[in-house]
Amino acid sequence: MRARARPHSWLGDRTGGHPGAGYGFARFTPSLLLAPSPAQKTIRIGTRRELASHTAPQVQYDGTDIAAGSPSPLINLQRALHTGGNLERFSVARDFGF
């Protein structure tokens, strides 16, 4: 997975990447991603299940530990953002393929 941020900075664009893996067992695909960097450490655990051709629900948990004093590469930073700490996200989605 690659991410690209366009911060309003004279330093220009930032591009980053991290390895991830998932292996399909019949119609079930669990995945794990570890993304360490000096600014943050992220773990992503998820799964998806093929229900029919071209559709699959998926569940995913992201846990990110942001280093103190670092805004990390979060996009659309707000003035009230406190740097450092933990960021957790749980999502449920349905993929459609055409």
PDB file of N, CA and C in Angstrom:
ATOM      1  N   MET A   1       0.842  -1.166   0.000  1.00  0.00           N
ATOM      2  CA  MET A   1       0.000   0.000   0.000  1.00  0.00           C
ATOM      3  C   MET A   1       0.890   1.233   0.000  1.00  0.00           C
ATOM      4  N   ARG A   2       0.528   2.231  -0.792  1.00  0.00           N
ATOM      5  CA  ARG A   2       1.293   3.473  -0.840  1.00  0.00           C
ATOM      6  C   ARG A   2       0.374   4.629  -0.466  1.00  0.00           C
ATOM      7  N   ALA A   3       0.934   5.593   0.219  1.00  0.00           N
ATOM      8  CA  ALA A   3       0.178   6.784   0.597  1.00  0.00           C
ATOM      9  C   ALA A   3       0.927   8.004   0.093  1.00  0.00           C
ATOM     10  N   ARG A   4       0.197   9.013  -0.289  1.00  0.00           N
ATOM     11  CA  ARG A   4       0.825  10.236  -0.764  1.00  0.00           C
ATOM     12  C   ARG A   4       0.119  11.426  -0.121  1.00  0.00           C
ATOM     13  N   ALA A   5       0.874  12.275   0.519  1.00  0.00           N
ATOM     14  CA  ALA A   5       0.334  13.483   1.146  1.00  0.00           C
ATOM     15  C   ALA A   5       0.885  14.701   0.421  1.00  0.00           C
ATOM     16  N   ARG A   6       0.076  15.717   0.266  1.00  0.00           N
ATOM     17  CA  ARG A   6       0.513  16.960  -0.349  1.00  0.00           C
ATOM     18  C   ARG A   6       0.411  18.070   0.702  1.00  0.00           C
ATOM     19  N   PRO A   7       1.377  18.123   1.596  1.00  0.00           N
ATOM     20  CA  PRO A   7       1.327  19.155   2.631  1.00  0.00           C
ATOM     21  C   PRO A   7       1.647  20.523   2.042  1.00  0.00           C
ATOM     22  N   HIS A   8       1.129  21.554   2.672  1.00  0.00           N
ATOM     23  CA  HIS A   8       1.442  22.917   2.252  1.00  0.00           C
ATOM     24  C   HIS A   8       2.796  23.266   2.853  1.00  0.00           C
ATOM     25  N   SER A   9       3.853  22.891   2.146  1.00  0.00           N
ATOM     26  CA  SER A   9       5.200  23.033   2.678  1.00  0.00           C
ATOM     27  C   SER A   9       6.176  23.252   1.537  1.00  0.00           C
ATOM     28  N   TRP A  10       7.238  23.969   1.806  1.00  0.00           N
ATOM     29  CA  TRP A  10       8.276  24.147   0.793  1.00  0.00           C
ATOM     30  C   TRP A  10       9.097  22.880   0.609  1.00  0.00           C
ATOM     31  N   LEU A  11       8.900  21.881   1.479  1.00  0.00           N
ATOM     32  CA  LEU A  11       9.627  20.624   1.354  1.00  0.00           C
ATOM     33  C   LEU A  11       9.053  19.731   0.256  1.00  0.00           C
ATOM     34  N   GLY A  12       7.819  20.010  -0.194  1.00  0.00           N
ATOM     35  CA  GLY A  12       7.241  19.232  -1.280  1.00  0.00           C
ATOM     36  C   GLY A  12       6.389  18.069  -0.807  1.00  0.00           C
ATOM     37  N   ASP A  13       6.172  17.128  -1.707  1.00  0.00           N
ATOM     38  CA  ASP A  13       5.337  15.955  -1.432  1.00  0.00           C
ATOM     39  C   ASP A  13       6.072  14.939  -0.582  1.00  0.00           C
ATOM     40  N   ARG A  14       5.306  14.139   0.129  1.00  0.00           N
ATOM     41  CA  ARG A  14       5.852  12.996   0.864  1.00  0.00           C
ATOM     42  C   ARG A  14       5.212  11.730   0.326  1.00  0.00           C
ATOM     43  N   THR A  15       6.018  10.733   0.087  1.00  0.00           N
ATOM     44  CA  THR A  15       5.526   9.444  -0.373  1.00  0.00           C
ATOM     45  C   THR A  15       6.045   8.377   0.560  1.00  0.00           C
ATOM     46  N   GLY A  16       5.198   7.432   0.923  1.00  0.00           N
ATOM     47  CA  GLY A  16       5.625   6.354   1.811  1.00  0.00           C
ATOM     48  C   GLY A  16       4.976   5.053   1.401  1.00  0.00           C
ATOM     49  N   GLY A  17       5.541   3.985   1.863  1.00  0.00           N
ATOM     50  CA  GLY A  17       4.983   2.678   1.565  1.00  0.00           C
ATOM     51  C   GLY A  17       5.266   1.727   2.712  1.00  0.00           C
ATOM     52  N   HIS A  18       4.549   0.624   2.749  1.00  0.00           N
ATOM     53  CA  HIS A  18       4.772  -0.373   3.780  1.00  0.00           C
ATOM     54  C   HIS A  18       4.283  -1.731   3.277  1.00  0.00           C
ATOM     55  N   PRO A  19       4.905  -2.792   3.739  1.00  0.00           N
ATOM     56  CA  PRO A  19       4.505  -4.132   3.280  1.00  0.00           C
ATOM     57  C   PRO A  19       3.260  -4.626   4.011  1.00  0.00           C
ATOM     58  N   GLY A  20       2.504  -5.420   3.330  1.00  0.00           N
ATOM     59  CA  GLY A  20       1.324  -6.045   3.923  1.00  0.00           C
ATOM     60  C   GLY A  20       1.144  -7.417   3.298  1.00  0.00           C
ATOM     61  N   ALA A  21       0.391  -8.269   3.940  1.00  0.00           N
ATOM     62  CA  ALA A  21       0.196  -9.616   3.411  1.00  0.00           C
ATOM     63  C   ALA A  21      -1.201 -10.116   3.728  1.00  0.00           C
ATOM     64  N   GLY A  22      -1.726 -10.889   2.828  1.00  0.00           N
ATOM     65  CA  GLY A  22      -2.998 -11.548   3.017  1.00  0.00           C
ATOM     66  C   GLY A  22      -2.995 -12.807   2.169  1.00  0.00           C
ATOM     67  N   TYR A  23      -3.607 -13.854   2.640  1.00  0.00           N
ATOM     68  CA  TYR A  23      -3.653 -15.108   1.900  1.00  0.00           C
ATOM     69  C   TYR A  23      -5.081 -15.617   1.907  1.00  0.00           C
ATOM     70  N   GLY A  24      -5.589 -15.969   0.750  1.00  0.00           N
ATOM     71  CA  GLY A  24      -6.969 -16.427   0.643  1.00  0.00           C
ATOM     72  C   GLY A  24      -7.123 -17.908   0.954  1.00  0.00           C
ATOM     73  N   PHE A  25      -8.073 -18.225   1.807  1.00  0.00           N
ATOM     74  CA  PHE A  25      -8.473 -19.599   2.121  1.00  0.00           C
ATOM     75  C   PHE A  25      -9.902 -19.744   1.625  1.00  0.00           C
ATOM     76  N   ALA A  26     -10.052 -20.382   0.472  1.00  0.00           N
ATOM     77  CA  ALA A  26     -11.363 -20.507  -0.172  1.00  0.00           C
ATOM     78  C   ALA A  26     -11.920 -19.101  -0.392  1.00  0.00           C
ATOM     79  N   ARG A  27     -12.982 -18.714   0.305  1.00  0.00           N
ATOM     80  CA  ARG A  27     -13.572 -17.375   0.132  1.00  0.00           C
ATOM     81  C   ARG A  27     -13.232 -16.422   1.275  1.00  0.00           C
ATOM     82  N   PHE A  28     -12.330 -16.795   2.143  1.00  0.00           N
ATOM     83  CA  PHE A  28     -11.972 -16.030   3.335  1.00  0.00           C
ATOM     84  C   PHE A  28     -10.530 -15.537   3.200  1.00  0.00           C
ATOM     85  N   THR A  29     -10.271 -14.226   3.368  1.00  0.00           N
ATOM     86  CA  THR A  29      -8.926 -13.666   3.236  1.00  0.00           C
ATOM     87  C   THR A  29      -8.579 -12.800   4.441  1.00  0.00           C
ATOM     88  N   PRO A  30      -7.821 -13.327   5.411  1.00  0.00           N
ATOM     89  CA  PRO A  30      -7.331 -12.488   6.502  1.00  0.00           C
ATOM     90  C   PRO A  30      -6.099 -11.714   6.033  1.00  0.00           C
ATOM     91  N   SER A  31      -5.819 -10.569   6.654  1.00  0.00           N
ATOM     92  CA  SER A  31      -4.645  -9.784   6.282  1.00  0.00           C
ATOM     93  C   SER A  31      -4.019  -9.144   7.505  1.00  0.00           C
ATOM     94  N   LEU A  32      -2.725  -8.887   7.395  1.00  0.00           N
ATOM     95  CA  LEU A  32      -1.952  -8.260   8.467  1.00  0.00           C
ATOM     96  C   LEU A  32      -0.974  -7.291   7.832  1.00  0.00           C
ATOM     97  N   LEU A  33      -0.859  -6.106   8.404  1.00  0.00           N
ATOM     98  CA  LEU A  33       0.063  -5.103   7.910  1.00  0.00           C
ATOM     99  C   LEU A  33       0.780  -4.483   9.102  1.00  0.00           C
ATOM    100  N   LEU A  34       2.087  -4.368   9.029  1.00  0.00           N
ATOM    101  CA  LEU A  34       2.899  -3.691  10.038  1.00  0.00           C
ATOM    102  C   LEU A  34       3.644  -2.579   9.332  1.00  0.00           C
ATOM    103  N   ALA A  35       3.555  -1.359   9.842  1.00  0.00           N
ATOM    104  CA  ALA A  35       4.194  -0.217   9.200  1.00  0.00           C
ATOM    105  C   ALA A  35       4.925   0.639  10.226  1.00  0.00           C
ATOM    106  N   PRO A  36       6.156   0.282  10.564  1.00  0.00           N
ATOM    107  CA  PRO A  36       6.917   1.112  11.499  1.00  0.00           C
ATOM    108  C   PRO A  36       7.654   2.239  10.766  1.00  0.00           C
ATOM    109  N   SER A  37       7.735   3.390  11.399  1.00  0.00           N
ATOM    110  CA  SER A  37       8.525   4.515  10.896  1.00  0.00           C
ATOM    111  C   SER A  37       8.912   5.363  12.104  1.00  0.00           C
ATOM    112  N   PRO A  38       9.837   6.301  11.937  1.00  0.00           N
ATOM    113  CA  PRO A  38      10.209   7.153  13.083  1.00  0.00           C
ATOM    114  C   PRO A  38       9.044   7.980  13.623  1.00  0.00           C
ATOM    115  N   ALA A  39       8.097   8.381  12.759  1.00  0.00           N
ATOM    116  CA  ALA A  39       6.986   9.233  13.188  1.00  0.00           C
ATOM    117  C   ALA A  39       5.820   8.438  13.770  1.00  0.00           C
ATOM    118  N   GLN A  40       5.661   7.176  13.361  1.00  0.00           N
ATOM    119  CA  GLN A  40       4.523   6.394  13.844  1.00  0.00           C
ATOM    120  C   GLN A  40       4.759   4.911  13.625  1.00  0.00           C
ATOM    121  N   LYS A  41       3.999   4.117  14.372  1.00  0.00           N
ATOM    122  CA  LYS A  41       3.996   2.663  14.217  1.00  0.00           C
ATOM    123  C   LYS A  41       2.543   2.241  14.060  1.00  0.00           C
ATOM    124  N   THR A  42       2.257   1.508  12.986  1.00  0.00           N
ATOM    125  CA  THR A  42       0.882   1.127  12.680  1.00  0.00           C
ATOM    126  C   THR A  42       0.761  -0.380  12.536  1.00  0.00           C
ATOM    127  N   ILE A  43      -0.331  -0.918  13.055  1.00  0.00           N
ATOM    128  CA  ILE A  43      -0.693  -2.313  12.817  1.00  0.00           C
ATOM    129  C   ILE A  43      -2.110  -2.311  12.263  1.00  0.00           C
ATOM    130  N   ARG A  44      -2.317  -3.092  11.210  1.00  0.00           N
ATOM    131  CA  ARG A  44      -3.636  -3.220  10.600  1.00  0.00           C
ATOM    132  C   ARG A  44      -3.973  -4.698  10.510  1.00  0.00           C
ATOM    133  N   ILE A  45      -5.125  -5.050  11.048  1.00  0.00           N
ATOM    134  CA  ILE A  45      -5.603  -6.434  11.018  1.00  0.00           C
ATOM    135  C   ILE A  45      -6.984  -6.405  10.381  1.00  0.00           C
ATOM    136  N   GLY A  46      -7.192  -7.263   9.403  1.00  0.00           N
ATOM    137  CA  GLY A  46      -8.484  -7.252   8.736  1.00  0.00           C
ATOM    138  C   GLY A  46      -8.818  -8.590   8.122  1.00  0.00           C
ATOM    139  N   THR A  47     -10.020  -8.682   7.640  1.00  0.00           N
ATOM    140  CA  THR A  47     -10.464  -9.882   6.941  1.00  0.00           C
ATOM    141  C   THR A  47     -11.552  -9.503   5.954  1.00  0.00           C
ATOM    142  N   ARG A  48     -11.666 -10.302   4.921  1.00  0.00           N
ATOM    143  CA  ARG A  48     -12.749 -10.126   3.963  1.00  0.00           C
ATOM    144  C   ARG A  48     -13.281 -11.488   3.567  1.00  0.00           C
ATOM    145  N   ARG A  49     -14.543 -11.554   3.208  1.00  0.00           N
ATOM    146  CA  ARG A  49     -15.201 -12.820   2.879  1.00  0.00           C
ATOM    147  C   ARG A  49     -15.966 -12.640   1.583  1.00  0.00           C
ATOM    148  N   GLU A  50     -15.610 -13.396   0.572  1.00  0.00           N
ATOM    149  CA  GLU A  50     -16.318 -13.361  -0.708  1.00  0.00           C
ATOM    150  C   GLU A  50     -17.694 -13.993  -0.522  1.00  0.00           C
ATOM    151  N   LEU A  51     -18.755 -13.229  -0.755  1.00  0.00           N
ATOM    152  CA  LEU A  51     -20.113 -13.761  -0.629  1.00  0.00           C
ATOM    153  C   LEU A  51     -20.621 -14.283  -1.962  1.00  0.00           C
ATOM    154  N   ALA A  52     -20.410 -13.521  -2.995  1.00  0.00           N
ATOM    155  CA  ALA A  52     -20.834 -13.891  -4.338  1.00  0.00           C
ATOM    156  C   ALA A  52     -19.821 -13.272  -5.288  1.00  0.00           C
ATOM    157  N   SER A  53     -19.967 -13.534  -6.546  1.00  0.00           N
ATOM    158  CA  SER A  53     -19.008 -12.930  -7.470  1.00  0.00           C
ATOM    159  C   SER A  53     -19.156 -11.404  -7.420  1.00  0.00           C
ATOM    160  N   HIS A  54     -18.076 -10.738  -7.304  1.00  0.00           N
ATOM    161  CA  HIS A  54     -17.973  -9.276  -7.331  1.00  0.00           C
ATOM    162  C   HIS A  54     -18.452  -8.566  -6.063  1.00  0.00           C
ATOM    163  N   THR A  55     -18.617  -9.235  -4.935  1.00  0.00           N
ATOM    164  CA  THR A  55     -18.985  -8.549  -3.694  1.00  0.00           C
ATOM    165  C   THR A  55     -18.367  -9.260  -2.487  1.00  0.00           C
ATOM    166  N   ALA A  56     -17.883  -8.449  -1.535  1.00  0.00           N
ATOM    167  CA  ALA A  56     -17.245  -9.018  -0.346  1.00  0.00           C
ATOM    168  C   ALA A  56     -17.291  -8.009   0.801  1.00  0.00           C
ATOM    169  N   PRO A  57     -17.874  -8.371   1.961  1.00  0.00           N
ATOM    170  CA  PRO A  57     -17.769  -7.503   3.130  1.00  0.00           C
ATOM    171  C   PRO A  57     -16.384  -7.647   3.752  1.00  0.00           C
ATOM    172  N   GLN A  58     -15.907  -6.580   4.364  1.00  0.00           N
ATOM    173  CA  GLN A  58     -14.619  -6.639   5.043  1.00  0.00           C
ATOM    174  C   GLN A  58     -14.675  -5.872   6.354  1.00  0.00           C
ATOM    175  N   VAL A  59     -13.870  -6.327   7.307  1.00  0.00           N
ATOM    176  CA  VAL A  59     -13.753  -5.724   8.630  1.00  0.00           C
ATOM    177  C   VAL A  59     -12.279  -5.442   8.839  1.00  0.00           C
ATOM    178  N   GLN A  60     -11.960  -4.270   9.403  1.00  0.00           N
ATOM    179  CA  GLN A  60     -10.560  -3.890   9.560  1.00  0.00           C
ATOM    180  C   GLN A  60     -10.361  -3.055  10.823  1.00  0.00           C
ATOM    181  N   TYR A  61      -9.251  -3.307  11.525  1.00  0.00           N
ATOM    182  CA  TYR A  61      -8.845  -2.519  12.692  1.00  0.00           C
ATOM    183  C   TYR A  61      -7.479  -1.923  12.403  1.00  0.00           C
ATOM    184  N   ASP A  62      -7.318  -0.624  12.622  1.00  0.00           N
ATOM    185  CA  ASP A  62      -6.035   0.058  12.504  1.00  0.00           C
ATOM    186  C   ASP A  62      -5.679   0.648  13.860  1.00  0.00           C
ATOM    187  N   GLY A  63      -4.493   0.358  14.336  1.00  0.00           N
ATOM    188  CA  GLY A  63      -3.976   0.949  15.568  1.00  0.00           C
ATOM    189  C   GLY A  63      -2.665   1.655  15.257  1.00  0.00           C
ATOM    190  N   THR A  64      -2.580   2.945  15.558  1.00  0.00           N
ATOM    191  CA  THR A  64      -1.392   3.735  15.249  1.00  0.00           C
ATOM    192  C   THR A  64      -0.891   4.424  16.503  1.00  0.00           C
ATOM    193  N   ASP A  65       0.393   4.291  16.770  1.00  0.00           N
ATOM    194  CA  ASP A  65       1.061   4.980  17.872  1.00  0.00           C
ATOM    195  C   ASP A  65       1.885   6.101  17.262  1.00  0.00           C
ATOM    196  N   ILE A  66       1.499   7.358  17.508  1.00  0.00           N
ATOM    197  CA  ILE A  66       2.166   8.516  16.928  1.00  0.00           C
ATOM    198  C   ILE A  66       3.194   9.040  17.920  1.00  0.00           C
ATOM    199  N   ALA A  67       4.422   9.245  17.450  1.00  0.00           N
ATOM    200  CA  ALA A  67       5.507   9.721  18.304  1.00  0.00           C
ATOM    201  C   ALA A  67       5.194  11.121  18.845  1.00  0.00           C
ATOM    202  N   ALA A  68       5.633  11.394  20.077  1.00  0.00           N
ATOM    203  CA  ALA A  68       5.418  12.701  20.692  1.00  0.00           C
ATOM    204  C   ALA A  68       6.104  13.779  19.865  1.00  0.00           C
ATOM    205  N   GLY A  69       5.396  14.894  19.651  1.00  0.00           N
ATOM    206  CA  GLY A  69       5.958  16.007  18.895  1.00  0.00           C
ATOM    207  C   GLY A  69       5.869  15.835  17.390  1.00  0.00           C
ATOM    208  N   SER A  70       5.332  14.728  16.932  1.00  0.00           N
ATOM    209  CA  SER A  70       5.230  14.471  15.497  1.00  0.00           C
ATOM    210  C   SER A  70       3.780  14.567  15.056  1.00  0.00           C
ATOM    211  N   PRO A  71       3.475  15.338  14.018  1.00  0.00           N
ATOM    212  CA  PRO A  71       2.115  15.351  13.505  1.00  0.00           C
ATOM    213  C   PRO A  71       1.813  14.105  12.688  1.00  0.00           C
ATOM    214  N   SER A  72       2.844  13.315  12.408  1.00  0.00           N
ATOM    215  CA  SER A  72       2.769  12.127  11.557  1.00  0.00           C
ATOM    216  C   SER A  72       2.265  12.541  10.182  1.00  0.00           C
ATOM    217  N   PRO A  73       2.233  11.630   9.254  1.00  0.00           N
ATOM    218  CA  PRO A  73       1.742  12.015   7.921  1.00  0.00           C
ATOM    219  C   PRO A  73       0.227  11.995   7.806  1.00  0.00           C
ATOM    220  N   LEU A  74      -0.488  12.463   8.838  1.00  0.00           N
ATOM    221  CA  LEU A  74      -1.936  12.585   8.741  1.00  0.00           C
ATOM    222  C   LEU A  74      -2.268  13.721   7.781  1.00  0.00           C
ATOM    223  N   ILE A  75      -3.348  13.559   7.030  1.00  0.00           N
ATOM    224  CA  ILE A  75      -3.746  14.560   6.047  1.00  0.00           C
ATOM    225  C   ILE A  75      -4.843  15.427   6.649  1.00  0.00           C
ATOM    226  N   ASN A  76      -4.897  16.698   6.274  1.00  0.00           N
ATOM    227  CA  ASN A  76      -5.899  17.660   6.730  1.00  0.00           C
ATOM    228  C   ASN A  76      -5.815  17.865   8.241  1.00  0.00           C
ATOM    229  N   LEU A  77      -4.636  18.247   8.730  1.00  0.00           N
ATOM    230  CA  LEU A  77      -4.435  18.476  10.157  1.00  0.00           C
ATOM    231  C   LEU A  77      -5.236  19.685  10.632  1.00  0.00           C
ATOM    232  N   GLN A  78      -5.825  19.575  11.806  1.00  0.00           N
ATOM    233  CA  GLN A  78      -6.610  20.651  12.393  1.00  0.00           C
ATOM    234  C   GLN A  78      -5.761  21.389  13.429  1.00  0.00           C
ATOM    235  N   ARG A  79      -6.096  22.626  13.702  1.00  0.00           N
ATOM    236  CA  ARG A  79      -5.320  23.439  14.644  1.00  0.00           C
ATOM    237  C   ARG A  79      -5.307  22.853  16.051  1.00  0.00           C
ATOM    238  N   ALA A  80      -6.389  22.211  16.460  1.00  0.00           N
ATOM    239  CA  ALA A  80      -6.495  21.680  17.820  1.00  0.00           C
ATOM    240  C   ALA A  80      -5.844  20.306  17.970  1.00  0.00           C
ATOM    241  N   LEU A  81      -5.163  19.787  16.936  1.00  0.00           N
ATOM    242  CA  LEU A  81      -4.549  18.470  17.012  1.00  0.00           C
ATOM    243  C   LEU A  81      -3.425  18.461  18.044  1.00  0.00           C
ATOM    244  N   HIS A  82      -3.468  17.512  18.949  1.00  0.00           N
ATOM    245  CA  HIS A  82      -2.397  17.307  19.912  1.00  0.00           C
ATOM    246  C   HIS A  82      -1.494  16.213  19.351  1.00  0.00           C
ATOM    247  N   THR A  83      -0.229  16.526  19.193  1.00  0.00           N
ATOM    248  CA  THR A  83       0.683  15.544  18.609  1.00  0.00           C
ATOM    249  C   THR A  83       1.016  14.455  19.613  1.00  0.00           C
ATOM    250  N   GLY A  84       1.399  13.308  19.094  1.00  0.00           N
ATOM    251  CA  GLY A  84       1.701  12.164  19.939  1.00  0.00           C
ATOM    252  C   GLY A  84       0.420  11.448  20.349  1.00  0.00           C
ATOM    253  N   GLY A  85       0.565  10.261  20.903  1.00  0.00           N
ATOM    254  CA  GLY A  85      -0.598   9.512  21.373  1.00  0.00           C
ATOM    255  C   GLY A  85      -0.989   8.396  20.433  1.00  0.00           C
ATOM    256  N   ASN A  86      -2.187   7.871  20.635  1.00  0.00           N
ATOM    257  CA  ASN A  86      -2.685   6.738  19.859  1.00  0.00           C
ATOM    258  C   ASN A  86      -3.869   7.151  19.002  1.00  0.00           C
ATOM    259  N   LEU A  87      -3.960   6.514  17.861  1.00  0.00           N
ATOM    260  CA  LEU A  87      -5.082   6.707  16.957  1.00  0.00           C
ATOM    261  C   LEU A  87      -5.606   5.317  16.611  1.00  0.00           C
ATOM    262  N   GLU A  88      -6.892   5.069  16.861  1.00  0.00           N
ATOM    263  CA  GLU A  88      -7.480   3.762  16.570  1.00  0.00           C
ATOM    264  C   GLU A  88      -8.673   3.952  15.655  1.00  0.00           C
ATOM    265  N   ARG A  89      -8.829   2.988  14.723  1.00  0.00           N
ATOM    266  CA  ARG A  89      -9.948   3.052  13.796  1.00  0.00           C
ATOM    267  C   ARG A  89     -10.456   1.639  13.533  1.00  0.00           C
ATOM    268  N   PHE A  90     -11.748   1.489  13.550  1.00  0.00           N
ATOM    269  CA  PHE A  90     -12.386   0.217  13.229  1.00  0.00           C
ATOM    270  C   PHE A  90     -13.346   0.504  12.075  1.00  0.00           C
ATOM    271  N   SER A  91     -13.265  -0.284  11.017  1.00  0.00           N
ATOM    272  CA  SER A  91     -14.148  -0.023   9.878  1.00  0.00           C
ATOM    273  C   SER A  91     -14.781  -1.307   9.362  1.00  0.00           C
ATOM    274  N   VAL A  92     -15.971  -1.144   8.818  1.00  0.00           N
ATOM    275  CA  VAL A  92     -16.710  -2.223   8.180  1.00  0.00           C
ATOM    276  C   VAL A  92     -17.117  -1.687   6.810  1.00  0.00           C
ATOM    277  N   ALA A  93     -16.831  -2.447   5.779  1.00  0.00           N
ATOM    278  CA  ALA A  93     -17.132  -1.991   4.421  1.00  0.00           C
ATOM    279  C   ALA A  93     -17.573  -3.166   3.560  1.00  0.00           C
ATOM    280  N   ARG A  94     -18.103  -2.851   2.414  1.00  0.00           N
ATOM    281  CA  ARG A  94     -18.472  -3.871   1.445  1.00  0.00           C
ATOM    282  C   ARG A  94     -17.836  -3.496   0.117  1.00  0.00           C
ATOM    283  N   ASP A  95     -17.025  -4.389  -0.419  1.00  0.00           N
ATOM    284  CA  ASP A  95     -16.349  -4.169  -1.696  1.00  0.00           C
ATOM    285  C   ASP A  95     -17.214  -4.662  -2.843  1.00  0.00           C
ATOM    286  N   PHE A  96     -17.236  -3.892  -3.898  1.00  0.00           N
ATOM    287  CA  PHE A  96     -17.919  -4.294  -5.121  1.00  0.00           C
ATOM    288  C   PHE A  96     -16.915  -4.254  -6.259  1.00  0.00           C
ATOM    289  N   GLY A  97     -16.879  -5.275  -7.056  1.00  0.00           N
ATOM    290  CA  GLY A  97     -16.002  -5.316  -8.232  1.00  0.00           C
ATOM    291  C   GLY A  97     -16.825  -5.421  -9.490  1.00  0.00           C
ATOM    292  N   PHE A  98     -16.368  -4.777 -10.530  1.00  0.00           N
ATOM    293  CA  PHE A  98     -17.116  -4.795 -11.797  1.00  0.00           C
ATOM    294  C   PHE A  98     -16.245  -5.300 -12.901  1.00  0.00           C
TER     295      PHE A  98
END
